[in-house]
Structures are given as C-alpha cells and as structure tokens.
Amino acid sequence: MKRALILIDAIKDFLDPQGVNYYPVYEQVLSAIQRALAAARRAGWMIVHVRETHPPHHAEDFEFEKLPVHCAEGSQAVEWAKGIEVLPGEYTVQKRRYSAFFETDLNLLLREKRIEQVVVVGVKTHVCVRATVQDAFGWGFRPVVVREAVGSNHAHLHEASLEDIQRYMGEVVSLEEFEQWALSPKGEEHREI
C-alpha cells in the first residue's frame, strides 16, 4: 500500500509562540509533527505540506465571515514552522478552506502517485485536520491520524474529533506506533483500516 504524509497548517501562525493562533499545547504537537515527518522521509513516503493562505485585501473571503482575517499570503504567519522545511521532491498545497482537498490539487496529486493511505498530522484537530480526514475518507483514501501530532485549543473538541475519526473515518495511532510501522521493513504490510 502506498502512503503519503500530509501536514496540515504546520505554519508559524499556529506553531510559533508569536503566532496569532498559537496555543501552548502546540509546542508538543510541533515536536511530534517533526518526528512523524522524519519517519516518513526515512521511509521514502510522499510528503505533502498544506498551508492555509488567504489573498491579501480580499475582504470577500467567505471564511472571514466566521473568523478574523488571518494567514495572509506573503506574511510571516504562513511561513513554515521551525523544523518544517520543504525538501526537494516534496509537495506544497495552498488551501483557503478547512479541508486540504477542497478546491485544491491534493486529490489529483495523490491519485497520480497511486497513494492509497494518507497519514495526517497538524492543527487544528477539530477543524482543518478533521475536515481533511473526512474528505480523504470520502475520496477513498484510508486516513490515519497520529494522536500526538495533532492538536487543538479546545481539548474536548480535540478528543471528540479523534473519537469520531477512529469510529467513522479512519484510524488513530500513537506516535510511537506510527514510527514503528513507518520504518519497519514490512511497513507496507501494516494493517489496513
């Protein structure tokens, strides 16, 4: 089974203490994302860095009816967080809505690479991570979420989202379990969900 690691919004706005949407638990989340990224790179997986960006001076952006203006294209907020550099051969996807699949090139990229399973890490669990996992499931990919490598500023919504993902859409695994099966010589034979 071919797999890809999808990093959701691993950017300074969320994961840098100076970011507008930073939350203290994200320090541990960033460390776990870095470990998951290192394991996926060593395993030779497809890596897709997804970040939220909004055109500057675009007051008509529908998302801003629910949230304050954020993640302006070209700002420091949308720069990759510490330790999340994009390496040659890795992919980037810009999104303007919660799901990394909505009106982006992600589905096409994954299908061209014959990806069957996606491992999702990033923030926020109950918003962009969940929306991406739900769409991955809907498109026929087998989603996995690494528990320690996702986070939210609302602990109860984080836990509820992980429960829903495990029950209805995919699989939630620990970081340690992920590293073991990603780097195992039989990693391609990891249980299917």
N, C-alpha and C. Protein backbone atom coordinates (compact mmCIF):
# COMPACT_ATOMS: atom_id res chain seq x y z
N MET A 1 0.85 -1.18 0.00
CA MET A 1 0.00 0.00 0.00
C MET A 1 0.89 1.24 0.00
N LYS A 2 0.63 2.15 -0.92
CA LYS A 2 1.41 3.39 -1.00
C LYS A 2 0.79 4.44 -0.08
N ARG A 3 1.67 5.13 0.64
CA ARG A 3 1.21 6.09 1.63
C ARG A 3 1.82 7.47 1.42
N ALA A 4 1.11 8.47 1.94
CA ALA A 4 1.62 9.84 1.95
C ALA A 4 1.40 10.44 3.33
N LEU A 5 2.32 11.29 3.74
CA LEU A 5 2.15 12.08 4.95
C LEU A 5 1.66 13.46 4.54
N ILE A 6 0.57 13.89 5.15
CA ILE A 6 0.01 15.21 4.87
C ILE A 6 0.10 16.06 6.13
N LEU A 7 0.84 17.15 6.03
CA LEU A 7 0.99 18.08 7.15
C LEU A 7 0.02 19.23 6.97
N ILE A 8 -0.86 19.42 7.95
CA ILE A 8 -1.88 20.45 7.86
C ILE A 8 -1.48 21.66 8.69
N ASP A 9 -1.28 22.78 8.02
CA ASP A 9 -1.03 24.08 8.66
C ASP A 9 0.12 24.05 9.67
N ALA A 10 1.21 23.42 9.29
CA ALA A 10 2.42 23.43 10.12
C ALA A 10 3.17 24.73 9.86
N ILE A 11 2.51 25.83 10.20
CA ILE A 11 3.00 27.18 9.90
C ILE A 11 3.12 28.00 11.18
N LYS A 12 3.81 29.12 11.07
CA LYS A 12 4.09 29.96 12.23
C LYS A 12 2.84 30.50 12.90
N ASP A 13 1.79 30.78 12.16
CA ASP A 13 0.58 31.33 12.76
C ASP A 13 0.08 30.45 13.90
N PHE A 14 0.22 29.13 13.75
CA PHE A 14 -0.25 28.19 14.76
C PHE A 14 0.87 27.66 15.66
N LEU A 15 2.04 27.44 15.12
CA LEU A 15 3.07 26.68 15.83
C LEU A 15 4.24 27.50 16.33
N ASP A 16 4.21 28.80 16.17
CA ASP A 16 5.25 29.68 16.70
C ASP A 16 4.62 30.49 17.84
N PRO A 17 5.31 30.62 18.97
CA PRO A 17 4.75 31.38 20.09
C PRO A 17 4.30 32.80 19.73
N GLN A 18 4.85 33.37 18.67
CA GLN A 18 4.45 34.71 18.24
C GLN A 18 3.22 34.67 17.33
N GLY A 19 2.77 33.49 16.94
CA GLY A 19 1.63 33.36 16.04
C GLY A 19 0.32 33.76 16.68
N VAL A 20 -0.57 34.33 15.89
CA VAL A 20 -1.87 34.79 16.39
C VAL A 20 -2.69 33.61 16.91
N ASN A 21 -2.60 32.46 16.26
CA ASN A 21 -3.40 31.30 16.65
C ASN A 21 -2.59 30.25 17.42
N TYR A 22 -1.47 30.66 18.00
CA TYR A 22 -0.65 29.75 18.80
C TYR A 22 -1.37 29.40 20.10
N TYR A 23 -1.19 28.17 20.54
CA TYR A 23 -1.73 27.70 21.81
C TYR A 23 -0.63 26.86 22.45
N PRO A 24 -0.40 26.98 23.76
CA PRO A 24 0.77 26.34 24.38
C PRO A 24 0.93 24.84 24.09
N VAL A 25 -0.13 24.09 23.96
CA VAL A 25 0.00 22.65 23.69
C VAL A 25 0.66 22.39 22.34
N TYR A 26 0.67 23.39 21.47
CA TYR A 26 1.24 23.21 20.14
C TYR A 26 2.75 23.00 20.16
N GLU A 27 3.42 23.33 21.26
CA GLU A 27 4.85 23.06 21.35
C GLU A 27 5.10 21.55 21.27
N GLN A 28 4.32 20.77 22.02
CA GLN A 28 4.45 19.31 21.96
C GLN A 28 3.97 18.76 20.62
N VAL A 29 2.94 19.38 20.08
CA VAL A 29 2.42 18.94 18.78
C VAL A 29 3.48 19.13 17.69
N LEU A 30 4.15 20.28 17.70
CA LEU A 30 5.20 20.53 16.71
C LEU A 30 6.31 19.50 16.80
N SER A 31 6.72 19.18 18.01
CA SER A 31 7.77 18.17 18.19
C SER A 31 7.33 16.82 17.61
N ALA A 32 6.08 16.45 17.83
CA ALA A 32 5.56 15.18 17.30
C ALA A 32 5.45 15.23 15.77
N ILE A 33 5.04 16.38 15.23
CA ILE A 33 4.98 16.52 13.76
C ILE A 33 6.38 16.33 13.17
N GLN A 34 7.37 16.94 13.80
CA GLN A 34 8.75 16.81 13.31
C GLN A 34 9.20 15.35 13.31
N ARG A 35 8.86 14.61 14.36
CA ARG A 35 9.22 13.19 14.43
C ARG A 35 8.49 12.38 13.36
N ALA A 36 7.21 12.65 13.16
CA ALA A 36 6.45 11.94 12.13
C ALA A 36 7.00 12.25 10.74
N LEU A 37 7.36 13.50 10.52
CA LEU A 37 7.93 13.90 9.24
C LEU A 37 9.26 13.19 9.00
N ALA A 38 10.10 13.13 10.01
CA ALA A 38 11.39 12.45 9.88
C ALA A 38 11.19 10.97 9.54
N ALA A 39 10.24 10.33 10.20
CA ALA A 39 9.98 8.90 9.94
C ALA A 39 9.47 8.69 8.52
N ALA A 40 8.54 9.53 8.08
CA ALA A 40 8.00 9.39 6.72
C ALA A 40 9.07 9.64 5.67
N ARG A 41 9.96 10.59 5.93
CA ARG A 41 11.06 10.84 4.99
C ARG A 41 11.99 9.64 4.92
N ARG A 42 12.34 9.09 6.06
CA ARG A 42 13.23 7.91 6.06
C ARG A 42 12.58 6.73 5.35
N ALA A 43 11.26 6.64 5.43
CA ALA A 43 10.55 5.54 4.79
C ALA A 43 10.35 5.79 3.29
N GLY A 44 10.67 6.99 2.82
CA GLY A 44 10.54 7.30 1.40
C GLY A 44 9.12 7.61 0.95
N TRP A 45 8.28 8.06 1.88
CA TRP A 45 6.89 8.36 1.54
C TRP A 45 6.78 9.68 0.78
N MET A 46 5.68 9.84 0.09
CA MET A 46 5.31 11.13 -0.48
C MET A 46 4.97 12.06 0.69
N ILE A 47 5.49 13.29 0.64
CA ILE A 47 5.25 14.29 1.69
C ILE A 47 4.51 15.46 1.06
N VAL A 48 3.40 15.86 1.69
CA VAL A 48 2.63 17.00 1.20
C VAL A 48 2.45 17.99 2.34
N HIS A 49 3.00 19.19 2.16
CA HIS A 49 2.86 20.28 3.12
C HIS A 49 1.69 21.15 2.69
N VAL A 50 0.68 21.23 3.53
CA VAL A 50 -0.52 22.01 3.20
C VAL A 50 -0.57 23.21 4.14
N ARG A 51 -0.80 24.38 3.57
CA ARG A 51 -0.92 25.55 4.44
C ARG A 51 -2.08 26.44 4.01
N GLU A 52 -2.70 27.00 5.02
CA GLU A 52 -3.77 27.95 4.78
C GLU A 52 -3.17 29.29 4.39
N THR A 53 -3.64 29.83 3.30
CA THR A 53 -3.23 31.18 2.89
C THR A 53 -4.44 31.87 2.29
N HIS A 54 -4.54 33.15 2.56
CA HIS A 54 -5.64 33.95 2.02
C HIS A 54 -5.06 35.15 1.29
N PRO A 55 -5.60 35.47 0.11
CA PRO A 55 -5.10 36.64 -0.62
C PRO A 55 -5.26 37.91 0.21
N PRO A 56 -4.23 38.73 0.25
CA PRO A 56 -4.37 39.99 0.99
C PRO A 56 -5.39 40.89 0.29
N HIS A 57 -6.04 41.72 1.05
CA HIS A 57 -7.01 42.69 0.52
C HIS A 57 -8.19 41.99 -0.17
N HIS A 58 -8.58 40.83 0.33
CA HIS A 58 -9.71 40.11 -0.26
C HIS A 58 -10.79 39.99 0.81
N ALA A 59 -11.44 41.08 1.07
CA ALA A 59 -12.45 41.14 2.15
C ALA A 59 -13.63 40.22 1.89
N GLU A 60 -13.80 39.78 0.65
CA GLU A 60 -14.93 38.92 0.32
C GLU A 60 -14.68 37.45 0.66
N ASP A 61 -13.52 37.13 1.21
CA ASP A 61 -13.21 35.75 1.55
C ASP A 61 -14.26 35.23 2.53
N PHE A 62 -14.99 34.21 2.11
CA PHE A 62 -16.12 33.66 2.86
C PHE A 62 -15.73 33.23 4.27
N GLU A 63 -14.51 32.73 4.44
CA GLU A 63 -14.08 32.26 5.76
C GLU A 63 -14.06 33.39 6.79
N PHE A 64 -13.84 34.61 6.32
CA PHE A 64 -13.74 35.73 7.24
C PHE A 64 -15.10 36.18 7.79
N GLU A 65 -16.16 35.57 7.33
CA GLU A 65 -17.46 35.81 7.95
C GLU A 65 -17.56 35.10 9.29
N LYS A 66 -16.74 34.05 9.48
CA LYS A 66 -16.75 33.29 10.72
C LYS A 66 -15.53 33.55 11.60
N LEU A 67 -14.44 33.93 10.98
CA LEU A 67 -13.17 34.10 11.70
C LEU A 67 -12.55 35.44 11.35
N PRO A 68 -11.71 35.97 12.25
CA PRO A 68 -10.99 37.21 11.90
C PRO A 68 -10.01 36.96 10.76
N VAL A 69 -9.63 38.01 10.08
CA VAL A 69 -8.66 37.90 8.99
C VAL A 69 -7.37 37.29 9.55
N HIS A 70 -6.83 36.30 8.83
CA HIS A 70 -5.64 35.58 9.29
C HIS A 70 -4.93 34.95 8.11
N CYS A 71 -3.70 34.51 8.32
CA CYS A 71 -2.91 33.76 7.34
C CYS A 71 -2.85 34.44 5.97
N ALA A 72 -2.53 35.72 5.96
CA ALA A 72 -2.43 36.46 4.70
C ALA A 72 -1.24 35.96 3.89
N GLU A 73 -1.48 35.74 2.62
CA GLU A 73 -0.44 35.31 1.69
C GLU A 73 0.74 36.27 1.76
N GLY A 74 1.96 35.72 1.86
CA GLY A 74 3.16 36.53 1.90
C GLY A 74 3.55 37.02 3.29
N SER A 75 2.72 36.77 4.29
CA SER A 75 3.03 37.22 5.64
C SER A 75 3.87 36.18 6.38
N GLN A 76 4.48 36.58 7.50
CA GLN A 76 5.24 35.64 8.31
C GLN A 76 4.34 34.54 8.87
N ALA A 77 3.09 34.82 9.04
CA ALA A 77 2.15 33.85 9.60
C ALA A 77 2.11 32.55 8.80
N VAL A 78 2.31 32.63 7.48
CA VAL A 78 2.19 31.44 6.64
C VAL A 78 3.54 30.80 6.31
N GLU A 79 4.60 31.31 6.94
CA GLU A 79 5.90 30.66 6.78
C GLU A 79 5.88 29.34 7.54
N TRP A 80 6.64 28.36 7.06
CA TRP A 80 6.69 27.06 7.71
C TRP A 80 7.25 27.20 9.12
N ALA A 81 6.71 26.42 10.04
CA ALA A 81 7.17 26.43 11.43
C ALA A 81 8.59 25.86 11.50
N LYS A 82 9.24 26.11 12.62
CA LYS A 82 10.60 25.64 12.84
C LYS A 82 10.67 24.12 12.66
N GLY A 83 11.63 23.69 11.83
CA GLY A 83 11.81 22.26 11.60
C GLY A 83 10.89 21.66 10.56
N ILE A 84 10.14 22.51 9.86
CA ILE A 84 9.20 22.02 8.84
C ILE A 84 9.58 22.56 7.47
N GLU A 85 10.83 22.41 7.11
CA GLU A 85 11.28 22.87 5.80
C GLU A 85 10.77 21.92 4.72
N VAL A 86 10.46 22.48 3.56
CA VAL A 86 10.04 21.67 2.42
C VAL A 86 11.30 21.26 1.65
N LEU A 87 11.53 19.97 1.54
CA LEU A 87 12.71 19.47 0.84
C LEU A 87 12.41 19.23 -0.63
N PRO A 88 13.45 19.19 -1.47
CA PRO A 88 13.24 18.89 -2.89
C PRO A 88 12.50 17.56 -3.03
N GLY A 89 11.54 17.54 -3.93
CA GLY A 89 10.75 16.34 -4.15
C GLY A 89 9.48 16.27 -3.31
N GLU A 90 9.35 17.18 -2.35
CA GLU A 90 8.13 17.23 -1.55
C GLU A 90 7.16 18.24 -2.17
N TYR A 91 5.92 18.13 -1.81
CA TYR A 91 4.87 18.94 -2.43
C TYR A 91 4.30 19.96 -1.45
N THR A 92 3.81 21.06 -1.99
CA THR A 92 3.09 22.05 -1.19
C THR A 92 1.72 22.28 -1.83
N VAL A 93 0.75 22.48 -0.98
CA VAL A 93 -0.62 22.77 -1.42
C VAL A 93 -1.12 23.96 -0.60
N GLN A 94 -1.67 24.94 -1.28
CA GLN A 94 -2.27 26.09 -0.62
C GLN A 94 -3.76 25.84 -0.52
N LYS A 95 -4.34 26.14 0.64
CA LYS A 95 -5.79 26.00 0.80
C LYS A 95 -6.38 27.27 1.38
N ARG A 96 -7.65 27.50 1.06
CA ARG A 96 -8.36 28.65 1.61
C ARG A 96 -9.54 28.25 2.46
N ARG A 97 -9.82 26.97 2.53
CA ARG A 97 -10.88 26.45 3.38
C ARG A 97 -10.28 25.42 4.30
N TYR A 98 -11.10 24.83 5.14
CA TYR A 98 -10.59 23.94 6.17
C TYR A 98 -9.98 22.67 5.61
N SER A 99 -10.64 22.04 4.67
CA SER A 99 -10.13 20.78 4.12
C SER A 99 -9.02 21.02 3.10
N ALA A 100 -7.98 20.21 3.20
CA ALA A 100 -6.88 20.29 2.23
C ALA A 100 -7.30 19.81 0.86
N PHE A 101 -8.46 19.16 0.76
CA PHE A 101 -8.95 18.66 -0.52
C PHE A 101 -9.85 19.66 -1.24
N PHE A 102 -10.43 20.60 -0.52
CA PHE A 102 -11.44 21.47 -1.12
C PHE A 102 -10.81 22.49 -2.06
N GLU A 103 -11.14 22.37 -3.36
CA GLU A 103 -10.69 23.31 -4.40
C GLU A 103 -9.16 23.44 -4.45
N THR A 104 -8.47 22.32 -4.18
CA THR A 104 -7.00 22.30 -4.30
C THR A 104 -6.62 21.17 -5.26
N ASP A 105 -5.33 21.00 -5.44
CA ASP A 105 -4.78 19.98 -6.33
C ASP A 105 -4.47 18.67 -5.59
N LEU A 106 -4.80 18.58 -4.31
CA LEU A 106 -4.36 17.45 -3.50
C LEU A 106 -4.86 16.11 -4.01
N ASN A 107 -6.14 16.00 -4.30
CA ASN A 107 -6.69 14.74 -4.77
C ASN A 107 -5.97 14.25 -6.02
N LEU A 108 -5.75 15.13 -6.97
CA LEU A 108 -5.06 14.78 -8.21
C LEU A 108 -3.63 14.34 -7.94
N LEU A 109 -2.91 15.07 -7.08
CA LEU A 109 -1.53 14.71 -6.75
C LEU A 109 -1.46 13.30 -6.16
N LEU A 110 -2.35 13.02 -5.21
CA LEU A 110 -2.34 11.70 -4.57
C LEU A 110 -2.68 10.59 -5.55
N ARG A 111 -3.65 10.83 -6.40
CA ARG A 111 -4.05 9.80 -7.37
C ARG A 111 -2.94 9.55 -8.41
N GLU A 112 -2.28 10.61 -8.84
CA GLU A 112 -1.18 10.43 -9.79
C GLU A 112 -0.05 9.59 -9.21
N LYS A 113 0.15 9.69 -7.90
CA LYS A 113 1.20 8.91 -7.22
C LYS A 113 0.68 7.56 -6.74
N ARG A 114 -0.58 7.25 -7.04
CA ARG A 114 -1.20 5.97 -6.67
C ARG A 114 -1.22 5.75 -5.15
N ILE A 115 -1.41 6.84 -4.41
CA ILE A 115 -1.47 6.77 -2.96
C ILE A 115 -2.81 6.14 -2.55
N GLU A 116 -2.74 5.23 -1.58
CA GLU A 116 -3.94 4.56 -1.07
C GLU A 116 -4.28 4.97 0.35
N GLN A 117 -3.27 5.37 1.12
CA GLN A 117 -3.48 5.71 2.52
C GLN A 117 -2.76 7.01 2.82
N VAL A 118 -3.43 7.89 3.59
CA VAL A 118 -2.83 9.15 3.98
C VAL A 118 -2.72 9.21 5.50
N VAL A 119 -1.58 9.66 5.97
CA VAL A 119 -1.36 9.90 7.39
C VAL A 119 -1.38 11.40 7.58
N VAL A 120 -2.26 11.87 8.46
CA VAL A 120 -2.49 13.30 8.63
C VAL A 120 -1.98 13.75 9.99
N VAL A 121 -1.21 14.84 9.97
CA VAL A 121 -0.73 15.49 11.19
C VAL A 121 -0.97 16.99 11.04
N GLY A 122 -1.01 17.72 12.15
CA GLY A 122 -1.14 19.17 12.07
C GLY A 122 -2.19 19.72 13.01
N VAL A 123 -2.66 20.91 12.68
CA VAL A 123 -3.63 21.61 13.53
C VAL A 123 -4.72 22.22 12.65
N LYS A 124 -5.82 22.50 13.24
CA LYS A 124 -6.45 22.13 14.46
C LYS A 124 -7.20 20.82 14.25
N THR A 125 -7.18 19.97 15.27
CA THR A 125 -7.79 18.65 15.15
C THR A 125 -9.26 18.73 14.74
N HIS A 126 -10.02 19.61 15.38
CA HIS A 126 -11.47 19.65 15.17
C HIS A 126 -11.90 20.51 13.98
N VAL A 127 -10.95 21.11 13.30
CA VAL A 127 -11.31 21.95 12.16
C VAL A 127 -10.61 21.40 10.91
N CYS A 128 -9.40 21.85 10.63
CA CYS A 128 -8.74 21.50 9.37
C CYS A 128 -8.30 20.05 9.30
N VAL A 129 -7.84 19.49 10.41
CA VAL A 129 -7.45 18.07 10.39
C VAL A 129 -8.67 17.21 10.14
N ARG A 130 -9.72 17.44 10.90
CA ARG A 130 -10.93 16.63 10.76
C ARG A 130 -11.55 16.78 9.36
N ALA A 131 -11.62 18.01 8.86
CA ALA A 131 -12.21 18.23 7.53
C ALA A 131 -11.39 17.50 6.46
N THR A 132 -10.07 17.52 6.60
CA THR A 132 -9.20 16.83 5.64
C THR A 132 -9.38 15.33 5.73
N VAL A 133 -9.44 14.80 6.94
CA VAL A 133 -9.63 13.35 7.13
C VAL A 133 -10.98 12.92 6.56
N GLN A 134 -12.01 13.69 6.82
CA GLN A 134 -13.34 13.33 6.32
C GLN A 134 -13.35 13.31 4.79
N ASP A 135 -12.72 14.29 4.17
CA ASP A 135 -12.66 14.30 2.70
C ASP A 135 -11.76 13.19 2.17
N ALA A 136 -10.66 12.89 2.87
CA ALA A 136 -9.81 11.77 2.44
C ALA A 136 -10.62 10.48 2.44
N PHE A 137 -11.38 10.26 3.49
CA PHE A 137 -12.25 9.09 3.56
C PHE A 137 -13.26 9.10 2.41
N GLY A 138 -13.87 10.25 2.18
CA GLY A 138 -14.86 10.36 1.12
C GLY A 138 -14.29 10.09 -0.27
N TRP A 139 -13.02 10.45 -0.48
CA TRP A 139 -12.37 10.23 -1.77
C TRP A 139 -11.78 8.83 -1.90
N GLY A 140 -11.90 8.01 -0.85
CA GLY A 140 -11.45 6.64 -0.95
C GLY A 140 -10.02 6.38 -0.49
N PHE A 141 -9.41 7.35 0.16
CA PHE A 141 -8.10 7.13 0.77
C PHE A 141 -8.34 6.58 2.18
N ARG A 142 -7.39 5.87 2.71
CA ARG A 142 -7.54 5.31 4.06
C ARG A 142 -6.79 6.22 5.04
N PRO A 143 -7.52 7.06 5.78
CA PRO A 143 -6.85 8.04 6.63
C PRO A 143 -6.40 7.47 7.97
N VAL A 144 -5.23 7.94 8.39
CA VAL A 144 -4.67 7.65 9.70
C VAL A 144 -4.26 8.99 10.31
N VAL A 145 -4.53 9.16 11.59
CA VAL A 145 -4.12 10.36 12.31
C VAL A 145 -3.16 9.93 13.41
N VAL A 146 -2.06 10.66 13.55
CA VAL A 146 -1.09 10.41 14.62
C VAL A 146 -1.50 11.26 15.82
N ARG A 147 -1.95 10.61 16.87
CA ARG A 147 -2.57 11.28 18.03
C ARG A 147 -1.74 12.45 18.58
N GLU A 148 -0.46 12.25 18.85
CA GLU A 148 0.35 13.31 19.45
C GLU A 148 0.72 14.40 18.47
N ALA A 149 0.54 14.15 17.17
CA ALA A 149 0.96 15.10 16.14
C ALA A 149 -0.19 15.93 15.60
N VAL A 150 -1.29 15.96 16.35
CA VAL A 150 -2.41 16.86 16.05
C VAL A 150 -2.79 17.55 17.35
N GLY A 151 -3.39 18.73 17.24
CA GLY A 151 -3.74 19.44 18.44
C GLY A 151 -4.79 20.50 18.20
N SER A 152 -5.32 20.99 19.32
CA SER A 152 -6.37 21.99 19.27
C SER A 152 -6.30 22.86 20.51
N ASN A 153 -6.89 24.03 20.43
CA ASN A 153 -7.01 24.88 21.59
C ASN A 153 -8.26 24.56 22.39
N HIS A 154 -9.02 23.56 21.97
CA HIS A 154 -10.21 23.09 22.68
C HIS A 154 -10.07 21.59 22.92
N ALA A 155 -9.60 21.21 24.10
CA ALA A 155 -9.29 19.81 24.40
C ALA A 155 -10.48 18.89 24.19
N HIS A 156 -11.68 19.33 24.57
CA HIS A 156 -12.85 18.45 24.42
C HIS A 156 -13.20 18.22 22.94
N LEU A 157 -13.01 19.22 22.09
CA LEU A 157 -13.26 19.05 20.66
C LEU A 157 -12.17 18.20 20.01
N HIS A 158 -10.95 18.35 20.48
CA HIS A 158 -9.83 17.52 20.02
C HIS A 158 -10.15 16.05 20.27
N GLU A 159 -10.52 15.72 21.50
CA GLU A 159 -10.81 14.32 21.85
C GLU A 159 -12.03 13.80 21.11
N ALA A 160 -13.08 14.61 21.01
CA ALA A 160 -14.29 14.19 20.30
C ALA A 160 -13.99 13.93 18.82
N SER A 161 -13.15 14.76 18.23
CA SER A 161 -12.81 14.58 16.81
C SER A 161 -12.00 13.30 16.61
N LEU A 162 -11.04 13.04 17.50
CA LEU A 162 -10.27 11.80 17.39
C LEU A 162 -11.17 10.58 17.54
N GLU A 163 -12.13 10.66 18.46
CA GLU A 163 -13.08 9.55 18.64
C GLU A 163 -13.90 9.33 17.37
N ASP A 164 -14.40 10.42 16.79
CA ASP A 164 -15.18 10.30 15.55
C ASP A 164 -14.34 9.76 14.40
N ILE A 165 -13.10 10.22 14.29
CA ILE A 165 -12.23 9.74 13.22
C ILE A 165 -12.00 8.24 13.37
N GLN A 166 -11.70 7.80 14.59
CA GLN A 166 -11.47 6.37 14.82
C GLN A 166 -12.73 5.56 14.54
N ARG A 167 -13.87 6.06 14.93
CA ARG A 167 -15.12 5.32 14.80
C ARG A 167 -15.66 5.29 13.36
N TYR A 168 -15.55 6.40 12.65
CA TYR A 168 -16.26 6.53 11.38
C TYR A 168 -15.40 6.69 10.14
N MET A 169 -14.15 7.13 10.29
CA MET A 169 -13.42 7.53 9.09
C MET A 169 -12.08 6.87 8.89
N GLY A 170 -11.40 6.51 9.95
CA GLY A 170 -10.04 6.02 9.77
C GLY A 170 -9.50 5.38 11.01
N GLU A 171 -8.26 5.70 11.28
CA GLU A 171 -7.55 5.10 12.40
C GLU A 171 -6.74 6.18 13.10
N VAL A 172 -6.70 6.10 14.43
CA VAL A 172 -5.87 7.00 15.22
C VAL A 172 -4.80 6.14 15.89
N VAL A 173 -3.54 6.50 15.65
CA VAL A 173 -2.42 5.71 16.20
C VAL A 173 -1.52 6.62 17.02
N SER A 174 -0.76 6.01 17.91
CA SER A 174 0.21 6.79 18.69
C SER A 174 1.41 7.11 17.82
N LEU A 175 2.17 8.10 18.23
CA LEU A 175 3.39 8.47 17.52
C LEU A 175 4.37 7.30 17.51
N GLU A 176 4.51 6.65 18.63
CA GLU A 176 5.43 5.51 18.71
C GLU A 176 5.01 4.39 17.75
N GLU A 177 3.72 4.10 17.71
CA GLU A 177 3.25 3.06 16.78
C GLU A 177 3.50 3.48 15.34
N PHE A 178 3.23 4.75 15.04
CA PHE A 178 3.46 5.23 13.69
C PHE A 178 4.92 5.08 13.28
N GLU A 179 5.83 5.50 14.15
CA GLU A 179 7.25 5.39 13.82
C GLU A 179 7.66 3.94 13.61
N GLN A 180 7.12 3.04 14.40
CA GLN A 180 7.47 1.62 14.26
C GLN A 180 7.02 1.06 12.92
N TRP A 181 5.76 1.30 12.55
CA TRP A 181 5.32 0.71 11.29
C TRP A 181 5.78 1.46 10.07
N ALA A 182 6.01 2.77 10.18
CA ALA A 182 6.52 3.53 9.03
C ALA A 182 7.93 3.08 8.67
N LEU A 183 8.73 2.78 9.68
CA LEU A 183 10.12 2.43 9.45
C LEU A 183 10.38 0.94 9.43
N SER A 184 9.36 0.15 9.62
CA SER A 184 9.52 -1.30 9.60
C SER A 184 9.77 -1.78 8.18
N PRO A 185 10.63 -2.80 8.00
CA PRO A 185 10.82 -3.36 6.66
C PRO A 185 9.51 -3.87 6.08
N LYS A 186 8.56 -4.20 6.96
CA LYS A 186 7.25 -4.67 6.49
C LYS A 186 6.22 -3.56 6.63
N GLY A 187 6.66 -2.32 6.65
CA GLY A 187 5.76 -1.19 6.81
C GLY A 187 4.63 -1.16 5.80
N GLU A 188 4.90 -1.64 4.60
CA GLU A 188 3.86 -1.67 3.58
C GLU A 188 2.78 -2.70 3.91
N GLU A 189 3.07 -3.58 4.87
CA GLU A 189 2.10 -4.60 5.24
C GLU A 189 1.35 -4.22 6.52
N HIS A 190 1.52 -2.99 6.98
CA HIS A 190 0.80 -2.53 8.18
C HIS A 190 -0.69 -2.79 7.99
N ARG A 191 -1.35 -3.08 9.06
CA ARG A 191 -2.77 -3.40 8.96
C ARG A 191 -3.52 -2.32 8.20
N GLU A 192 -4.49 -2.75 7.45
CA GLU A 192 -5.32 -1.82 6.72
C GLU A 192 -6.55 -1.54 7.52
N ILE A 193 -7.09 -0.33 7.36
CA ILE A 193 -8.31 0.02 8.09
C ILE A 193 -9.51 -0.14 7.18
